[in-house]
Amino acid sequence: MPDENVPDEAPLLAGENDEDHPQDEVARYGDVRVILIDSARYCDSRNRGDVVVAASYGGTLPARLVAPHRTRAAVFHDVGIAADGSGITGLAYLEALGTPAAAVDGATAELGNARDMYAHGTISRMNVLAERCGVERGMPAEEAVRRLATGDPGDPSATTKVRRAVMEELPSGRQIVVTDSIVFARPEDSRNVLVTAGHTGSTGARFIEAVTPWGFICADGGTARNGSGYAGLEPLDRSGLAGACYDVMTAAMGDAFDAWDRGRISQANQLACRRGVEVGQSVQDAARALLAYAPS
């Protein structure tokens, strides 16, 4: 166990001056500079308002090195995501502080080499604020940096960020809607199939029943003890609501867009099964099966 009495001091950092930190300006977008640094350790007071490309891993510790300097945005290396997502935990940390942040795929760029990241990296992950600037997975790092420098992240405060998109629509107007939580549903979603990313346990089921969507797909909560992550499926079946869960080992919990892209069904209630949903099916195919069964 770490010693609880160790002070939060880093003598090596404290002994440095800004001019000791190698930085390379590679672009400007209006007043916004793009700065390459081979380590988050080199971020300093000069970088307020800059987009910083730091060739450190995107974990919480490097994010803490960047955060005090109030950069406009930051891009890191994802080191292959790493155990427990430790290669990218800093993205969520910075989102809570109001800073757009992204990470490049570790297989596409050298760690510790910001110039290589900028020239060859492709984006693997980003926080919601970076997403609102226009950053997308698979995007070249240089383009992502341009969007971070010029895009609008919206409200940077630590408030609810609602993501929602219509993926498909029938001539009748019924839709497949993807949004991260059932609590983001709208009244018109009673006609729609909702793909969300919260669990389908007892509390989740209450929210789903309040919305009464035509069909739903939520997360299985890792199944959890006594199947509590998907325990709402059966009572919702009795209420006449067809639904299923995706396996959170196939797509991220809390990210319905990742579920739409990669998720696989792990559980389904009887009504959903009668409408063509199967365990092992992709989330997209399951949602389409539910939508196809809807009356015109």
C-alpha atoms as a PDB file:
ATOM      1  CA  MET A   1       0.000   0.000   0.000  1.00  0.00           C
ATOM      2  CA  PRO A   2       1.246   3.535  -0.726  1.00  0.00           C
ATOM      3  CA  ASP A   3       2.356   5.561   2.262  1.00  0.00           C
ATOM      4  CA  GLU A   4      -0.503   7.971   3.066  1.00  0.00           C
ATOM      5  CA  ASN A   5       1.900  10.509   4.542  1.00  0.00           C
ATOM      6  CA  VAL A   6       3.923  11.166   1.384  1.00  0.00           C
ATOM      7  CA  PRO A   7       3.407  14.830   0.370  1.00  0.00           C
ATOM      8  CA  ASP A   8       2.202  15.695  -3.138  1.00  0.00           C
ATOM      9  CA  GLU A   9       5.602  16.949  -4.214  1.00  0.00           C
ATOM     10  CA  ALA A  10       7.672  16.204  -7.311  1.00  0.00           C
ATOM     11  CA  PRO A  11      11.137  17.701  -6.876  1.00  0.00           C
ATOM     12  CA  LEU A  12      12.142  17.045 -10.484  1.00  0.00           C
ATOM     13  CA  LEU A  13       9.138  18.994 -11.758  1.00  0.00           C
ATOM     14  CA  ALA A  14       9.514  21.780  -9.232  1.00  0.00           C
ATOM     15  CA  GLY A  15      13.131  22.310 -10.237  1.00  0.00           C
ATOM     16  CA  GLU A  16      12.314  22.959 -13.892  1.00  0.00           C
ATOM     17  CA  ASN A  17      11.748  26.250 -15.655  1.00  0.00           C
ATOM     18  CA  ASP A  18       9.478  26.628 -18.677  1.00  0.00           C
ATOM     19  CA  GLU A  19      12.429  27.258 -20.937  1.00  0.00           C
ATOM     20  CA  ASP A  20      13.797  23.827 -19.980  1.00  0.00           C
ATOM     21  CA  HIS A  21      10.874  22.175 -21.787  1.00  0.00           C
ATOM     22  CA  PRO A  22      11.354  21.387 -25.482  1.00  0.00           C
ATOM     23  CA  GLN A  23       8.300  22.454 -27.474  1.00  0.00           C
ATOM     24  CA  ASP A  24       7.689  22.621 -31.203  1.00  0.00           C
ATOM     25  CA  GLU A  25       5.047  24.859 -32.764  1.00  0.00           C
ATOM     26  CA  VAL A  26       3.857  23.243 -36.008  1.00  0.00           C
ATOM     27  CA  ALA A  27       0.705  25.191 -36.911  1.00  0.00           C
ATOM     28  CA  ARG A  28      -1.503  28.132 -36.027  1.00  0.00           C
ATOM     29  CA  TYR A  29      -5.218  28.565 -36.467  1.00  0.00           C
ATOM     30  CA  GLY A  30      -5.908  32.192 -35.730  1.00  0.00           C
ATOM     31  CA  ASP A  31      -4.610  32.751 -32.211  1.00  0.00           C
ATOM     32  CA  VAL A  32      -4.504  29.028 -31.419  1.00  0.00           C
ATOM     33  CA  ARG A  33      -1.103  27.375 -31.568  1.00  0.00           C
ATOM     34  CA  VAL A  34      -0.479  23.659 -32.134  1.00  0.00           C
ATOM     35  CA  ILE A  35       2.389  22.565 -29.894  1.00  0.00           C
ATOM     36  CA  LEU A  36       4.184  19.218 -30.026  1.00  0.00           C
ATOM     37  CA  ILE A  37       5.751  17.906 -26.824  1.00  0.00           C
ATOM     38  CA  ASP A  38       7.281  14.481 -26.389  1.00  0.00           C
ATOM     39  CA  SER A  39       6.070  14.238 -22.794  1.00  0.00           C
ATOM     40  CA  ALA A  40       3.167  15.709 -20.842  1.00  0.00           C
ATOM     41  CA  ARG A  41       5.862  16.772 -18.392  1.00  0.00           C
ATOM     42  CA  TYR A  42       6.817  19.497 -20.882  1.00  0.00           C
ATOM     43  CA  CYS A  43       3.427  21.225 -20.762  1.00  0.00           C
ATOM     44  CA  ASP A  44       3.764  24.522 -18.950  1.00  0.00           C
ATOM     45  CA  SER A  45       2.434  28.049 -18.484  1.00  0.00           C
ATOM     46  CA  ARG A  46       3.219  28.941 -22.102  1.00  0.00           C
ATOM     47  CA  ASN A  47       0.522  26.530 -23.313  1.00  0.00           C
ATOM     48  CA  ARG A  48      -2.622  28.245 -22.076  1.00  0.00           C
ATOM     49  CA  GLY A  49      -5.044  28.191 -25.011  1.00  0.00           C
ATOM     50  CA  ASP A  50      -2.865  25.897 -27.128  1.00  0.00           C
ATOM     51  CA  VAL A  51      -3.724  22.539 -28.643  1.00  0.00           C
ATOM     52  CA  VAL A  52      -1.037  20.301 -27.207  1.00  0.00           C
ATOM     53  CA  VAL A  53       0.012  17.029 -28.811  1.00  0.00           C
ATOM     54  CA  ALA A  54       1.720  15.186 -25.964  1.00  0.00           C
ATOM     55  CA  ALA A  55       3.388  11.866 -26.746  1.00  0.00           C
ATOM     56  CA  SER A  56       2.662  10.498 -23.274  1.00  0.00           C
ATOM     57  CA  TYR A  57       0.015   7.904 -22.553  1.00  0.00           C
ATOM     58  CA  GLY A  58      -3.470   9.327 -22.097  1.00  0.00           C
ATOM     59  CA  GLY A  59      -3.932   8.248 -18.500  1.00  0.00           C
ATOM     60  CA  THR A  60      -4.934  10.305 -15.501  1.00  0.00           C
ATOM     61  CA  LEU A  61      -1.394  11.135 -14.384  1.00  0.00           C
ATOM     62  CA  PRO A  62      -0.320  12.800 -17.668  1.00  0.00           C
ATOM     63  CA  ALA A  63      -3.696  14.544 -17.796  1.00  0.00           C
ATOM     64  CA  ARG A  64      -2.948  15.989 -14.365  1.00  0.00           C
ATOM     65  CA  LEU A  65       0.329  17.361 -15.707  1.00  0.00           C
ATOM     66  CA  VAL A  66      -1.517  19.122 -18.532  1.00  0.00           C
ATOM     67  CA  ALA A  67      -4.678  20.272 -16.730  1.00  0.00           C
ATOM     68  CA  PRO A  68      -3.241  23.136 -14.605  1.00  0.00           C
ATOM     69  CA  HIS A  69      -2.009  24.932 -17.724  1.00  0.00           C
ATOM     70  CA  ARG A  70      -5.497  25.376 -19.216  1.00  0.00           C
ATOM     71  CA  THR A  71      -4.758  24.173 -22.726  1.00  0.00           C
ATOM     72  CA  ARG A  72      -7.505  24.521 -25.297  1.00  0.00           C
ATOM     73  CA  ALA A  73      -7.248  20.799 -26.028  1.00  0.00           C
ATOM     74  CA  ALA A  74      -4.848  17.875 -25.746  1.00  0.00           C
ATOM     75  CA  VAL A  75      -4.009  14.765 -27.739  1.00  0.00           C
ATOM     76  CA  PHE A  76      -2.221  11.774 -26.210  1.00  0.00           C
ATOM     77  CA  HIS A  77      -1.074   8.231 -27.131  1.00  0.00           C
ATOM     78  CA  ASP A  78      -3.450   5.419 -26.115  1.00  0.00           C
ATOM     79  CA  VAL A  79      -0.678   2.803 -25.530  1.00  0.00           C
ATOM     80  CA  GLY A  80      -3.099   0.146 -26.779  1.00  0.00           C
ATOM     81  CA  ILE A  81      -5.679   1.297 -24.194  1.00  0.00           C
ATOM     82  CA  ALA A  82      -3.845  -0.813 -21.551  1.00  0.00           C
ATOM     83  CA  ALA A  83      -5.258  -2.712 -18.572  1.00  0.00           C
ATOM     84  CA  ASP A  84      -8.416  -1.260 -17.054  1.00  0.00           C
ATOM     85  CA  GLY A  85      -8.434   1.402 -19.763  1.00  0.00           C
ATOM     86  CA  SER A  86      -5.488   3.065 -18.056  1.00  0.00           C
ATOM     87  CA  GLY A  87      -4.113   4.351 -21.351  1.00  0.00           C
ATOM     88  CA  ILE A  88      -7.078   6.695 -21.836  1.00  0.00           C
ATOM     89  CA  THR A  89      -8.537   7.485 -18.394  1.00  0.00           C
ATOM     90  CA  GLY A  90      -7.206  11.018 -18.691  1.00  0.00           C
ATOM     91  CA  LEU A  91      -9.702  11.797 -21.438  1.00  0.00           C
ATOM     92  CA  ALA A  92     -12.624  11.557 -19.018  1.00  0.00           C
ATOM     93  CA  TYR A  93     -10.646  13.419 -16.356  1.00  0.00           C
ATOM     94  CA  LEU A  94     -10.058  16.321 -18.741  1.00  0.00           C
ATOM     95  CA  GLU A  95     -13.665  16.265 -19.934  1.00  0.00           C
ATOM     96  CA  ALA A  96     -14.801  16.876 -16.360  1.00  0.00           C
ATOM     97  CA  LEU A  97     -12.449  19.851 -16.238  1.00  0.00           C
ATOM     98  CA  GLY A  98     -13.795  21.256 -19.506  1.00  0.00           C
ATOM     99  CA  THR A  99     -10.916  20.314 -21.819  1.00  0.00           C
ATOM    100  CA  PRO A 100     -11.432  18.485 -25.121  1.00  0.00           C
ATOM    101  CA  ALA A 101      -9.025  15.552 -25.369  1.00  0.00           C
ATOM    102  CA  ALA A 102      -8.315  12.639 -27.667  1.00  0.00           C
ATOM    103  CA  ALA A 103      -5.840   9.793 -28.074  1.00  0.00           C
ATOM    104  CA  VAL A 104      -4.180   8.212 -31.085  1.00  0.00           C
ATOM    105  CA  ASP A 105      -4.111   4.485 -31.718  1.00  0.00           C
ATOM    106  CA  GLY A 106      -0.886   3.096 -30.276  1.00  0.00           C
ATOM    107  CA  ALA A 107      -0.299   0.972 -33.372  1.00  0.00           C
ATOM    108  CA  THR A 108      -0.225   4.043 -35.616  1.00  0.00           C
ATOM    109  CA  ALA A 109       2.309   6.279 -33.890  1.00  0.00           C
ATOM    110  CA  GLU A 110       5.462   6.142 -31.801  1.00  0.00           C
ATOM    111  CA  LEU A 111       5.187   6.675 -28.069  1.00  0.00           C
ATOM    112  CA  GLY A 112       7.355   9.569 -26.898  1.00  0.00           C
ATOM    113  CA  ASN A 113       7.519  11.077 -30.388  1.00  0.00           C
ATOM    114  CA  ALA A 114       4.956  13.859 -30.787  1.00  0.00           C
ATOM    115  CA  ARG A 115       6.016  14.651 -34.342  1.00  0.00           C
ATOM    116  CA  ASP A 116       5.347  11.052 -35.370  1.00  0.00           C
ATOM    117  CA  MET A 117       1.998  11.155 -33.576  1.00  0.00           C
ATOM    118  CA  TYR A 118       1.032  14.317 -35.408  1.00  0.00           C
ATOM    119  CA  ALA A 119       2.173  13.014 -38.806  1.00  0.00           C
ATOM    120  CA  HIS A 120       1.062   9.376 -38.649  1.00  0.00           C
ATOM    121  CA  GLY A 121      -1.335   8.863 -35.737  1.00  0.00           C
ATOM    122  CA  THR A 122      -5.017   8.118 -36.173  1.00  0.00           C
ATOM    123  CA  ILE A 123      -7.579   8.824 -33.487  1.00  0.00           C
ATOM    124  CA  SER A 124      -8.834   5.889 -31.420  1.00  0.00           C
ATOM    125  CA  ARG A 125     -10.706   7.612 -28.595  1.00  0.00           C
ATOM    126  CA  MET A 126     -11.946  11.077 -27.682  1.00  0.00           C
ATOM    127  CA  ASN A 127     -14.025  12.652 -24.965  1.00  0.00           C
ATOM    128  CA  VAL A 128     -17.408  14.245 -25.617  1.00  0.00           C
ATOM    129  CA  LEU A 129     -15.976  17.760 -25.852  1.00  0.00           C
ATOM    130  CA  ALA A 130     -13.522  16.665 -28.535  1.00  0.00           C
ATOM    131  CA  GLU A 131     -16.326  14.830 -30.310  1.00  0.00           C
ATOM    132  CA  ARG A 132     -18.352  18.050 -30.375  1.00  0.00           C
ATOM    133  CA  CYS A 133     -15.386  19.765 -32.018  1.00  0.00           C
ATOM    134  CA  GLY A 134     -15.723  17.224 -34.842  1.00  0.00           C
ATOM    135  CA  VAL A 135     -13.093  14.667 -33.839  1.00  0.00           C
ATOM    136  CA  GLU A 136     -13.905  11.131 -34.988  1.00  0.00           C
ATOM    137  CA  ARG A 137     -12.369   7.688 -34.615  1.00  0.00           C
ATOM    138  CA  GLY A 138      -9.999   6.802 -37.430  1.00  0.00           C
ATOM    139  CA  MET A 139      -9.350  10.466 -38.231  1.00  0.00           C
ATOM    140  CA  PRO A 140      -5.740  11.491 -38.913  1.00  0.00           C
ATOM    141  CA  ALA A 141      -4.257  13.249 -35.913  1.00  0.00           C
ATOM    142  CA  GLU A 142      -3.414  16.362 -37.912  1.00  0.00           C
ATOM    143  CA  GLU A 143      -7.057  16.780 -38.955  1.00  0.00           C
ATOM    144  CA  ALA A 144      -8.243  16.104 -35.415  1.00  0.00           C
ATOM    145  CA  VAL A 145      -5.889  18.799 -34.140  1.00  0.00           C
ATOM    146  CA  ARG A 146      -7.252  21.250 -36.694  1.00  0.00           C
ATOM    147  CA  ARG A 147     -10.791  20.555 -35.507  1.00  0.00           C
ATOM    148  CA  LEU A 148      -9.765  20.901 -31.873  1.00  0.00           C
ATOM    149  CA  ALA A 149      -8.207  24.259 -32.697  1.00  0.00           C
ATOM    150  CA  THR A 150     -11.199  25.583 -34.640  1.00  0.00           C
ATOM    151  CA  GLY A 151     -14.255  23.637 -33.443  1.00  0.00           C
ATOM    152  CA  ASP A 152     -16.782  24.522 -30.781  1.00  0.00           C
ATOM    153  CA  PRO A 153     -16.944  22.058 -27.866  1.00  0.00           C
ATOM    154  CA  GLY A 154     -20.143  23.618 -26.542  1.00  0.00           C
ATOM    155  CA  ASP A 155     -20.703  24.004 -22.823  1.00  0.00           C
ATOM    156  CA  PRO A 156     -17.443  22.854 -21.166  1.00  0.00           C
ATOM    157  CA  SER A 157     -18.890  22.668 -17.655  1.00  0.00           C
ATOM    158  CA  ALA A 158     -19.368  19.366 -15.859  1.00  0.00           C
ATOM    159  CA  THR A 159     -23.033  19.095 -16.745  1.00  0.00           C
ATOM    160  CA  THR A 160     -24.949  16.377 -18.552  1.00  0.00           C
ATOM    161  CA  LYS A 161     -23.843  15.980 -22.164  1.00  0.00           C
ATOM    162  CA  VAL A 162     -26.610  14.490 -24.306  1.00  0.00           C
ATOM    163  CA  ARG A 163     -25.571  12.614 -27.440  1.00  0.00           C
ATOM    164  CA  ARG A 164     -28.373  11.499 -29.734  1.00  0.00           C
ATOM    165  CA  ALA A 165     -28.671  10.421 -33.361  1.00  0.00           C
ATOM    166  CA  VAL A 166     -31.292   8.826 -35.597  1.00  0.00           C
ATOM    167  CA  MET A 167     -29.686   5.865 -37.345  1.00  0.00           C
ATOM    168  CA  GLU A 168     -32.583   4.607 -39.463  1.00  0.00           C
ATOM    169  CA  GLU A 169     -36.194   5.577 -40.133  1.00  0.00           C
ATOM    170  CA  LEU A 170     -39.208   3.828 -41.622  1.00  0.00           C
ATOM    171  CA  PRO A 171     -41.675   5.576 -43.949  1.00  0.00           C
ATOM    172  CA  SER A 172     -44.078   5.536 -40.991  1.00  0.00           C
ATOM    173  CA  GLY A 173     -41.686   7.818 -39.113  1.00  0.00           C
ATOM    174  CA  ARG A 174     -40.597   5.185 -36.593  1.00  0.00           C
ATOM    175  CA  GLN A 175     -36.874   5.401 -35.925  1.00  0.00           C
ATOM    176  CA  ILE A 176     -33.859   3.714 -34.422  1.00  0.00           C
ATOM    177  CA  VAL A 177     -32.468   6.289 -32.008  1.00  0.00           C
ATOM    178  CA  VAL A 178     -29.069   5.981 -30.349  1.00  0.00           C
ATOM    179  CA  THR A 179     -28.492   7.910 -27.108  1.00  0.00           C
ATOM    180  CA  ASP A 180     -26.284   7.111 -24.127  1.00  0.00           C
ATOM    181  CA  SER A 181     -28.981   6.764 -21.465  1.00  0.00           C
ATOM    182  CA  ILE A 182     -32.670   5.980 -21.317  1.00  0.00           C
ATOM    183  CA  VAL A 183     -33.052   9.151 -19.248  1.00  0.00           C
ATOM    184  CA  PHE A 184     -32.258  11.100 -22.443  1.00  0.00           C
ATOM    185  CA  ALA A 185     -35.367   9.716 -24.179  1.00  0.00           C
ATOM    186  CA  ARG A 186     -37.990  12.077 -25.574  1.00  0.00           C
ATOM    187  CA  PRO A 187     -41.790  11.679 -25.566  1.00  0.00           C
ATOM    188  CA  GLU A 188     -41.801  10.712 -29.244  1.00  0.00           C
ATOM    189  CA  ASP A 189     -39.537   7.753 -28.480  1.00  0.00           C
ATOM    190  CA  SER A 190     -42.564   5.705 -27.485  1.00  0.00           C
ATOM    191  CA  ARG A 191     -42.753   4.980 -31.240  1.00  0.00           C
ATOM    192  CA  ASN A 192     -39.068   4.225 -31.616  1.00  0.00           C
ATOM    193  CA  VAL A 193     -36.418   1.608 -30.965  1.00  0.00           C
ATOM    194  CA  LEU A 194     -33.923   3.007 -28.479  1.00  0.00           C
ATOM    195  CA  VAL A 195     -30.303   1.882 -28.293  1.00  0.00           C
ATOM    196  CA  THR A 196     -28.919   3.120 -24.988  1.00  0.00           C
ATOM    197  CA  ALA A 197     -25.971   2.217 -22.801  1.00  0.00           C
ATOM    198  CA  GLY A 198     -27.153   2.090 -19.197  1.00  0.00           C
ATOM    199  CA  HIS A 199     -27.821  -1.195 -17.416  1.00  0.00           C
ATOM    200  CA  THR A 200     -31.092  -3.102 -17.660  1.00  0.00           C
ATOM    201  CA  GLY A 201     -31.456  -3.828 -13.977  1.00  0.00           C
ATOM    202  CA  SER A 202     -34.377  -2.928 -11.757  1.00  0.00           C
ATOM    203  CA  THR A 203     -33.822   0.829 -11.776  1.00  0.00           C
ATOM    204  CA  GLY A 204     -33.084   0.890 -15.495  1.00  0.00           C
ATOM    205  CA  ALA A 205     -36.304  -1.014 -16.092  1.00  0.00           C
ATOM    206  CA  ARG A 206     -38.311   1.665 -14.291  1.00  0.00           C
ATOM    207  CA  PHE A 207     -36.948   4.326 -16.614  1.00  0.00           C
ATOM    208  CA  ILE A 208     -37.612   2.175 -19.678  1.00  0.00           C
ATOM    209  CA  GLU A 209     -41.187   1.523 -18.566  1.00  0.00           C
ATOM    210  CA  ALA A 210     -41.741   5.240 -18.108  1.00  0.00           C
ATOM    211  CA  VAL A 211     -40.699   5.846 -21.728  1.00  0.00           C
ATOM    212  CA  THR A 212     -42.486   2.760 -23.174  1.00  0.00           C
ATOM    213  CA  PRO A 213     -40.400   2.565 -26.367  1.00  0.00           C
ATOM    214  CA  TRP A 214     -41.460   0.232 -29.164  1.00  0.00           C
ATOM    215  CA  GLY A 215     -38.218  -1.625 -28.506  1.00  0.00           C
ATOM    216  CA  PHE A 216     -35.029  -1.116 -26.564  1.00  0.00           C
ATOM    217  CA  ILE A 217     -31.440  -2.309 -26.299  1.00  0.00           C
ATOM    218  CA  CYS A 218     -29.433  -1.432 -23.192  1.00  0.00           C
ATOM    219  CA  ALA A 219     -26.268  -2.757 -21.543  1.00  0.00           C
ATOM    220  CA  ASP A 220     -26.165  -5.976 -19.531  1.00  0.00           C
ATOM    221  CA  GLY A 221     -24.183  -4.309 -16.727  1.00  0.00           C
ATOM    222  CA  GLY A 222     -21.582  -7.069 -16.909  1.00  0.00           C
ATOM    223  CA  THR A 223     -24.477  -9.308 -15.792  1.00  0.00           C
ATOM    224  CA  ALA A 224     -23.528  -8.512 -12.154  1.00  0.00           C
ATOM    225  CA  ARG A 225     -24.446 -10.565  -9.077  1.00  0.00           C
ATOM    226  CA  ASN A 226     -27.578 -12.657  -9.469  1.00  0.00           C
ATOM    227  CA  GLY A 227     -28.026 -11.347 -13.003  1.00  0.00           C
ATOM    228  CA  SER A 228     -28.968  -7.953 -11.608  1.00  0.00           C
ATOM    229  CA  GLY A 229     -27.475  -6.151 -14.614  1.00  0.00           C
ATOM    230  CA  TYR A 230     -30.277  -7.427 -16.855  1.00  0.00           C
ATOM    231  CA  ALA A 231     -32.963  -8.309 -14.291  1.00  0.00           C
ATOM    232  CA  GLY A 232     -35.385  -5.820 -15.806  1.00  0.00           C
ATOM    233  CA  LEU A 233     -35.835  -7.775 -19.025  1.00  0.00           C
ATOM    234  CA  GLU A 234     -38.412 -10.199 -17.650  1.00  0.00           C
ATOM    235  CA  PRO A 235     -40.719  -7.662 -15.955  1.00  0.00           C
ATOM    236  CA  LEU A 236     -40.531  -5.462 -19.040  1.00  0.00           C
ATOM    237  CA  ASP A 237     -41.552  -8.464 -21.109  1.00  0.00           C
ATOM    238  CA  ARG A 238     -44.622  -8.829 -18.896  1.00  0.00           C
ATOM    239  CA  SER A 239     -45.327  -5.145 -19.513  1.00  0.00           C
ATOM    240  CA  GLY A 240     -45.284  -5.742 -23.265  1.00  0.00           C
ATOM    241  CA  LEU A 241     -41.940  -4.073 -23.948  1.00  0.00           C
ATOM    242  CA  ALA A 242     -39.540  -5.931 -26.253  1.00  0.00           C
ATOM    243  CA  GLY A 243     -35.914  -5.510 -25.347  1.00  0.00           C
ATOM    244  CA  ALA A 244     -32.429  -6.914 -25.170  1.00  0.00           C
ATOM    245  CA  CYS A 245     -29.009  -6.234 -23.685  1.00  0.00           C
ATOM    246  CA  TYR A 246     -25.605  -5.993 -25.272  1.00  0.00           C
ATOM    247  CA  ASP A 247     -22.572  -7.601 -23.707  1.00  0.00           C
ATOM    248  CA  VAL A 248     -20.398  -4.902 -22.122  1.00  0.00           C
ATOM    249  CA  MET A 249     -17.344  -6.972 -23.017  1.00  0.00           C
ATOM    250  CA  THR A 250     -18.114  -6.285 -26.697  1.00  0.00           C
ATOM    251  CA  ALA A 251     -18.770  -2.537 -26.403  1.00  0.00           C
ATOM    252  CA  ALA A 252     -18.352   0.136 -23.778  1.00  0.00           C
ATOM    253  CA  MET A 253     -20.969   0.669 -21.125  1.00  0.00           C
ATOM    254  CA  GLY A 254     -22.254   4.227 -21.167  1.00  0.00           C
ATOM    255  CA  ASP A 255     -21.422   4.736 -24.842  1.00  0.00           C
ATOM    256  CA  ALA A 256     -24.420   3.848 -26.990  1.00  0.00           C
ATOM    257  CA  PHE A 257     -22.598   4.792 -30.172  1.00  0.00           C
ATOM    258  CA  ASP A 258     -19.906   2.238 -29.418  1.00  0.00           C
ATOM    259  CA  ALA A 259     -22.676  -0.261 -28.686  1.00  0.00           C
ATOM    260  CA  TRP A 260     -24.215   0.502 -32.088  1.00  0.00           C
ATOM    261  CA  ASP A 261     -20.850   0.013 -33.805  1.00  0.00           C
ATOM    262  CA  ARG A 262     -19.519  -3.047 -31.971  1.00  0.00           C
ATOM    263  CA  GLY A 263     -22.038  -4.430 -29.511  1.00  0.00           C
ATOM    264  CA  ARG A 264     -23.332  -8.004 -29.478  1.00  0.00           C
ATOM    265  CA  ILE A 265     -26.530  -9.170 -27.831  1.00  0.00           C
ATOM    266  CA  SER A 266     -26.092 -11.204 -24.636  1.00  0.00           C
ATOM    267  CA  GLN A 267     -29.673 -11.314 -23.317  1.00  0.00           C
ATOM    268  CA  ALA A 268     -33.148 -10.803 -24.771  1.00  0.00           C
ATOM    269  CA  ASN A 269     -36.651 -11.097 -23.386  1.00  0.00           C
ATOM    270  CA  GLN A 270     -39.236 -13.383 -24.964  1.00  0.00           C
ATOM    271  CA  LEU A 271     -41.074 -10.651 -26.803  1.00  0.00           C
ATOM    272  CA  ALA A 272     -37.831  -9.456 -28.422  1.00  0.00           C
ATOM    273  CA  CYS A 273     -36.967 -13.021 -29.406  1.00  0.00           C
ATOM    274  CA  ARG A 274     -40.334 -13.410 -31.096  1.00  0.00           C
ATOM    275  CA  ARG A 275     -39.513 -10.288 -33.088  1.00  0.00           C
ATOM    276  CA  GLY A 276     -36.267 -11.776 -34.378  1.00  0.00           C
ATOM    277  CA  VAL A 277     -33.674 -10.804 -31.784  1.00  0.00           C
ATOM    278  CA  GLU A 278     -31.044 -13.474 -31.054  1.00  0.00           C
ATOM    279  CA  VAL A 279     -28.184 -13.836 -28.599  1.00  0.00           C
ATOM    280  CA  GLY A 280     -24.913 -13.188 -30.415  1.00  0.00           C
ATOM    281  CA  GLN A 281     -26.554 -10.880 -32.931  1.00  0.00           C
ATOM    282  CA  SER A 282     -25.082  -7.455 -33.557  1.00  0.00           C
ATOM    283  CA  VAL A 283     -26.833  -4.544 -31.888  1.00  0.00           C
ATOM    284  CA  GLN A 284     -27.544  -3.088 -35.308  1.00  0.00           C
ATOM    285  CA  ASP A 285     -29.264  -6.247 -36.542  1.00  0.00           C
ATOM    286  CA  ALA A 286     -31.239  -6.601 -33.307  1.00  0.00           C
ATOM    287  CA  ALA A 287     -32.435  -2.998 -33.489  1.00  0.00           C
ATOM    288  CA  ARG A 288     -33.447  -3.469 -37.115  1.00  0.00           C
ATOM    289  CA  ALA A 289     -35.369  -6.614 -36.221  1.00  0.00           C
ATOM    290  CA  LEU A 290     -37.301  -4.705 -33.568  1.00  0.00           C
ATOM    291  CA  LEU A 291     -37.992  -1.822 -35.919  1.00  0.00           C
ATOM    292  CA  ALA A 292     -39.063  -4.098 -38.776  1.00  0.00           C
ATOM    293  CA  TYR A 293     -41.756  -5.612 -36.560  1.00  0.00           C
ATOM    294  CA  ALA A 294     -43.314  -2.237 -35.863  1.00  0.00           C
ATOM    295  CA  PRO A 295     -46.737  -1.538 -37.389  1.00  0.00           C
ATOM    296  CA  SER A 296     -46.872   1.052 -40.157  1.00  0.00           C
END
